[in-house]
Protein backbone atom coordinates (compact mmCIF):
# COMPACT_ATOMS: atom_id res chain seq x y z
CA MET A 1 69.06 108.20 87.81
CA GLU A 2 71.51 106.85 90.41
CA THR A 3 70.90 108.48 93.80
CA LEU A 4 73.49 106.51 95.77
CA GLY A 5 77.23 106.93 95.87
CA ILE A 6 80.16 105.59 97.88
CA SER A 7 82.42 108.16 99.52
CA ALA A 8 86.22 107.90 99.58
CA ASP A 9 86.04 106.45 103.11
CA GLY A 10 83.48 103.79 102.08
CA LYS A 11 80.28 105.39 103.41
CA ILE A 12 77.10 105.13 101.36
CA ILE A 13 75.82 108.59 100.46
CA GLU A 14 72.28 109.17 99.18
CA PHE A 15 71.59 112.21 97.04
CA LYS A 16 67.99 113.45 97.06
CA LEU A 17 66.29 113.36 93.67
CA LYS A 18 65.42 117.09 93.77
CA PHE A 19 69.10 117.86 94.52
CA ILE A 20 70.19 115.79 91.52
CA GLU A 21 67.63 117.45 89.26
CA ARG A 22 68.71 120.93 90.38
CA TYR A 23 72.45 120.34 90.00
CA SER A 24 72.00 118.50 86.70
CA GLN A 25 70.64 121.77 85.30
CA LEU A 26 73.61 123.75 86.65
CA THR A 27 76.57 121.48 85.88
CA ASP A 28 77.73 118.05 84.73
CA TRP A 29 76.07 115.91 87.42
CA GLU A 30 78.39 112.90 87.07
CA ALA A 31 81.53 115.04 87.38
CA PHE A 32 80.02 116.90 90.36
CA LYS A 33 79.09 113.62 92.07
CA LYS A 34 82.55 112.14 91.48
CA ILE A 35 84.30 115.15 93.06
CA SER A 36 81.77 115.32 95.90
CA LEU A 37 82.58 111.75 96.91
CA THR A 38 86.37 112.20 97.01
CA PHE A 39 88.60 113.58 99.74
CA LEU A 40 89.48 117.23 99.29
CA ARG A 41 93.15 118.12 99.27
CA ARG A 42 94.25 119.86 102.46
CA SER A 43 95.12 123.46 101.83
CA ILE A 44 96.20 126.61 103.62
CA ARG A 45 96.33 130.30 102.77
CA VAL A 46 99.05 132.50 104.21
CA ASN A 47 97.84 135.48 106.23
CA THR A 48 100.39 137.97 104.91
CA LEU A 49 99.46 140.46 107.65
CA LYS A 50 101.13 138.06 110.10
CA ILE A 51 103.88 136.33 108.07
CA SER A 52 105.31 136.50 104.56
CA VAL A 53 104.83 133.65 102.10
CA GLU A 54 108.60 133.01 102.02
CA ASP A 55 108.93 132.96 105.83
CA LEU A 56 106.05 130.49 106.16
CA LYS A 57 107.54 128.24 103.46
CA LYS A 58 110.89 128.20 105.30
CA ARG A 59 109.12 127.31 108.56
CA LEU A 60 107.07 124.45 107.14
CA GLU A 61 109.19 122.85 104.43
CA LYS A 62 111.08 120.57 106.87
CA ASN A 63 107.97 118.56 107.82
CA TRP A 64 105.39 119.53 105.22
CA LYS A 65 105.22 119.19 101.46
CA LEU A 66 103.85 122.43 100.01
CA GLU A 67 102.49 122.76 96.50
CA GLN A 68 101.51 126.20 95.19
CA VAL A 69 97.83 126.59 94.32
CA PRO A 70 97.98 127.91 90.72
CA TRP A 71 95.32 130.59 91.16
CA CYS A 72 96.34 131.91 94.61
CA ARG A 73 99.84 133.28 95.36
CA GLU A 74 99.25 132.81 99.11
CA GLY A 75 97.60 129.37 98.77
CA PHE A 76 99.24 125.97 99.15
CA TRP A 77 98.12 122.38 99.10
CA ILE A 78 99.79 120.82 102.12
CA GLU A 79 100.75 117.25 102.98
CA HIS A 80 102.80 116.05 105.93
CA ALA A 81 106.04 114.19 105.31
CA GLN A 82 104.50 111.33 107.32
CA LYS A 83 101.80 110.44 104.77
CA GLY A 84 99.13 109.31 107.25
CA ARG A 85 98.98 112.58 109.18
CA ARG A 86 95.97 114.73 108.16
CA ASP A 87 95.79 117.42 110.86
CA ILE A 88 97.08 120.85 109.95
CA GLY A 89 95.64 123.00 112.73
CA ASN A 90 97.88 124.89 115.15
CA LEU A 91 101.04 124.51 113.10
CA PRO A 92 104.27 125.32 114.99
């Protein structure tokens, strides 16, 4: 059983054998490992006590690409218009 993997940023990741055995019983290990080694999509959830979904979309759509998360009305995957930018904290 392969215990090593390469992350999306090129780092070698070692999974402990007991971890692999445990998760192999719970799920498809290869699919789990593949997702674990990829970058997660940046996402936000709108705090509707502070701002409405529509108001937030209007505020961000100039500089950010928003894609609705299918299972969460207040959730969005977010990507900056300048592709390399990854920070989303303290949005204006």
